[in-house]
C-alpha atoms as a PDB file:
ATOM      1  CA  MET A   1     126.756 120.564  84.075  1.00  0.00           C
ATOM      2  CA  PRO A   2     125.965 117.485  85.628  1.00  0.00           C
ATOM      3  CA  PHE A   3     123.133 114.797  84.086  1.00  0.00           C
ATOM      4  CA  TRP A   4     121.270 112.350  85.739  1.00  0.00           C
ATOM      5  CA  VAL A   5     119.315 108.998  84.995  1.00  0.00           C
ATOM      6  CA  TYR A   6     117.072 108.114  87.575  1.00  0.00           C
ATOM      7  CA  ILE A   7     114.189 105.306  88.420  1.00  0.00           C
ATOM      8  CA  LEU A   8     110.927 106.267  89.541  1.00  0.00           C
ATOM      9  CA  ARG A   9     108.427 103.301  91.744  1.00  0.00           C
ATOM     10  CA  CYS A  10     104.975 104.175  89.810  1.00  0.00           C
ATOM     11  CA  SER A  11     101.860 103.463  92.016  1.00  0.00           C
ATOM     12  CA  ASP A  12     100.958 100.487  90.358  1.00  0.00           C
ATOM     13  CA  GLN A  13     104.620  98.981  91.605  1.00  0.00           C
ATOM     14  CA  THR A  14     106.328  99.559  87.966  1.00  0.00           C
ATOM     15  CA  TYR A  15     109.342 101.282  87.525  1.00  0.00           C
ATOM     16  CA  TYR A  16     109.843 104.195  85.009  1.00  0.00           C
ATOM     17  CA  VAL A  17     113.290 105.016  84.230  1.00  0.00           C
ATOM     18  CA  GLY A  18     114.377 108.358  82.635  1.00  0.00           C
ATOM     19  CA  SER A  19     117.272 110.851  82.455  1.00  0.00           C
ATOM     20  CA  THR A  20     117.540 114.914  82.783  1.00  0.00           C
ATOM     21  CA  ASP A  21     119.560 118.015  83.621  1.00  0.00           C
ATOM     22  CA  ASP A  22     117.449 119.163  86.643  1.00  0.00           C
ATOM     23  CA  LEU A  23     116.724 116.284  88.807  1.00  0.00           C
ATOM     24  CA  ASP A  24     114.790 118.110  90.821  1.00  0.00           C
ATOM     25  CA  ARG A  25     112.785 120.019  88.331  1.00  0.00           C
ATOM     26  CA  ARG A  26     111.797 116.825  86.599  1.00  0.00           C
ATOM     27  CA  LEU A  27     110.540 114.973  89.757  1.00  0.00           C
ATOM     28  CA  ALA A  28     108.167 117.954  90.549  1.00  0.00           C
ATOM     29  CA  VAL A  29     106.987 117.500  86.986  1.00  0.00           C
ATOM     30  CA  HIS A  30     106.772 113.682  87.141  1.00  0.00           C
ATOM     31  CA  LEU A  31     104.897 114.132  90.701  1.00  0.00           C
ATOM     32  CA  SER A  32     102.688 116.785  89.701  1.00  0.00           C
ATOM     33  CA  GLY A  33     101.253 114.990  86.316  1.00  0.00           C
ATOM     34  CA  GLU A  34     102.115 117.899  84.156  1.00  0.00           C
ATOM     35  CA  LEU A  35     104.474 115.336  82.025  1.00  0.00           C
ATOM     36  CA  ALA A  36     101.869 113.560  79.669  1.00  0.00           C
ATOM     37  CA  GLY A  37     102.526 110.025  79.555  1.00  0.00           C
ATOM     38  CA  TYR A  38     103.516 106.711  81.511  1.00  0.00           C
ATOM     39  CA  THR A  39     103.507 108.243  84.752  1.00  0.00           C
ATOM     40  CA  SER A  40     100.637 110.459  84.934  1.00  0.00           C
ATOM     41  CA  THR A  41      98.386 107.640  84.693  1.00  0.00           C
ATOM     42  CA  ARG A  42     100.244 106.224  87.497  1.00  0.00           C
ATOM     43  CA  LEU A  43     100.683 108.743  90.202  1.00  0.00           C
ATOM     44  CA  PRO A  44     102.123 109.036  92.936  1.00  0.00           C
ATOM     45  CA  VAL A  45     105.523 108.167  92.039  1.00  0.00           C
ATOM     46  CA  GLU A  46     108.638 107.810  94.183  1.00  0.00           C
ATOM     47  CA  LEU A  47     112.084 108.295  93.106  1.00  0.00           C
ATOM     48  CA  VAL A  48     114.104 105.321  94.278  1.00  0.00           C
ATOM     49  CA  PHE A  49     117.398 105.461  92.132  1.00  0.00           C
ATOM     50  CA  ALA A  50     119.319 108.515  90.666  1.00  0.00           C
ATOM     51  CA  ALA A  51     122.889 108.373  89.661  1.00  0.00           C
ATOM     52  CA  GLU A  52     125.113 111.610  88.665  1.00  0.00           C
ATOM     53  CA  LEU A  53     126.839 110.984  85.335  1.00  0.00           C
ATOM     54  CA  PRO A  54     129.073 113.583  83.420  1.00  0.00           C
ATOM     55  CA  SER A  55     127.263 114.485  80.198  1.00  0.00           C
ATOM     56  CA  ARG A  56     124.099 113.899  78.482  1.00  0.00           C
ATOM     57  CA  ASP A  57     125.224 111.214  76.347  1.00  0.00           C
ATOM     58  CA  ASP A  58     126.837 109.040  79.252  1.00  0.00           C
ATOM     59  CA  ALA A  59     122.736 109.739  81.056  1.00  0.00           C
ATOM     60  CA  LEU A  60     121.106 108.754  77.264  1.00  0.00           C
ATOM     61  CA  VAL A  61     123.547 105.731  77.389  1.00  0.00           C
ATOM     62  CA  ARG A  62     122.551 104.418  80.585  1.00  0.00           C
ATOM     63  CA  GLU A  63     119.045 105.298  80.528  1.00  0.00           C
ATOM     64  CA  ARG A  64     118.566 102.959  77.788  1.00  0.00           C
ATOM     65  CA  GLN A  65     120.697 100.266  79.263  1.00  0.00           C
ATOM     66  CA  LEU A  66     118.597 100.537  82.290  1.00  0.00           C
ATOM     67  CA  LYS A  67     115.213 100.476  80.401  1.00  0.00           C
ATOM     68  CA  LYS A  68     116.448  96.730  78.854  1.00  0.00           C
ATOM     69  CA  TRP A  69     116.856  95.481  82.651  1.00  0.00           C
ATOM     70  CA  SER A  70     114.606  92.808  83.962  1.00  0.00           C
ATOM     71  CA  ARG A  71     112.393  94.111  87.134  1.00  0.00           C
ATOM     72  CA  ALA A  72     114.511  91.754  89.246  1.00  0.00           C
ATOM     73  CA  LYS A  73     117.885  93.619  88.000  1.00  0.00           C
ATOM     74  CA  LYS A  74     116.553  97.060  88.886  1.00  0.00           C
ATOM     75  CA  GLU A  75     115.364  96.223  92.190  1.00  0.00           C
ATOM     76  CA  ALA A  76     118.597  94.879  92.890  1.00  0.00           C
ATOM     77  CA  LEU A  77     120.348  98.120  91.719  1.00  0.00           C
ATOM     78  CA  ILE A  78     117.752 100.252  93.715  1.00  0.00           C
ATOM     79  CA  ALA A  79     118.667  98.019  96.741  1.00  0.00           C
ATOM     80  CA  SER A  80     122.545  98.464  95.817  1.00  0.00           C
ATOM     81  CA  ASP A  81     122.866  94.669  95.766  1.00  0.00           C
ATOM     82  CA  TRP A  82     125.836  94.504  93.463  1.00  0.00           C
ATOM     83  CA  ALA A  83     126.290  90.991  93.767  1.00  0.00           C
ATOM     84  CA  ARG A  84     122.783  90.631  92.846  1.00  0.00           C
ATOM     85  CA  VAL A  85     123.113  92.745  89.833  1.00  0.00           C
ATOM     86  CA  SER A  86     126.355  90.857  88.549  1.00  0.00           C
ATOM     87  CA  ALA A  87     124.618  87.364  88.929  1.00  0.00           C
ATOM     88  CA  LEU A  88     121.574  88.823  86.875  1.00  0.00           C
ATOM     89  CA  ALA A  89     124.009  90.141  84.278  1.00  0.00           C
ATOM     90  CA  ARG A  90     125.323  86.596  84.054  1.00  0.00           C
ATOM     91  CA  GLY A  91     121.588  85.195  83.599  1.00  0.00           C
ATOM     92  CA  ARG A  92     121.789  83.412  87.074  1.00  0.00           C
ATOM     93  CA  ASN A  93     118.398  83.060  89.331  1.00  0.00           C
ATOM     94  CA  ARG A  94     116.290  85.132  86.468  1.00  0.00           C
ATOM     95  CA  ARG A  95     113.309  83.782  88.134  1.00  0.00           C
ATOM     96  CA  ASP A  96     114.155  84.824  91.939  1.00  0.00           C
END
C-alpha cells in the first residue's frame, strides 16, 4: 500500500505539510474544511507537491523532514529545482 507526503499552499500563502495513505480523500477533507486545525482557517488550499513512499514510516519521516525546511527550500522542492534545494541544504542563498 502506498503512502504519500504532500504540501498544500493555503490561501494566506503559507504551506502545510502532511502525510496520508489516501491522498484524494485527504485532499477532499482539507478542501471541505472538515479537518479542524491549520488548513480549515486558511481555505481554499491547493495541492502543490506530492510524493509516493513505500511505507507509513517513510512518509512520516519525510513529513517531519519537510516541516523543518525553510519556505525557500519548500518552494525549490515544489518547483523541482534540485540545484536550489541542494544549495539551500548547504546553507547558501538563505535570504533569496
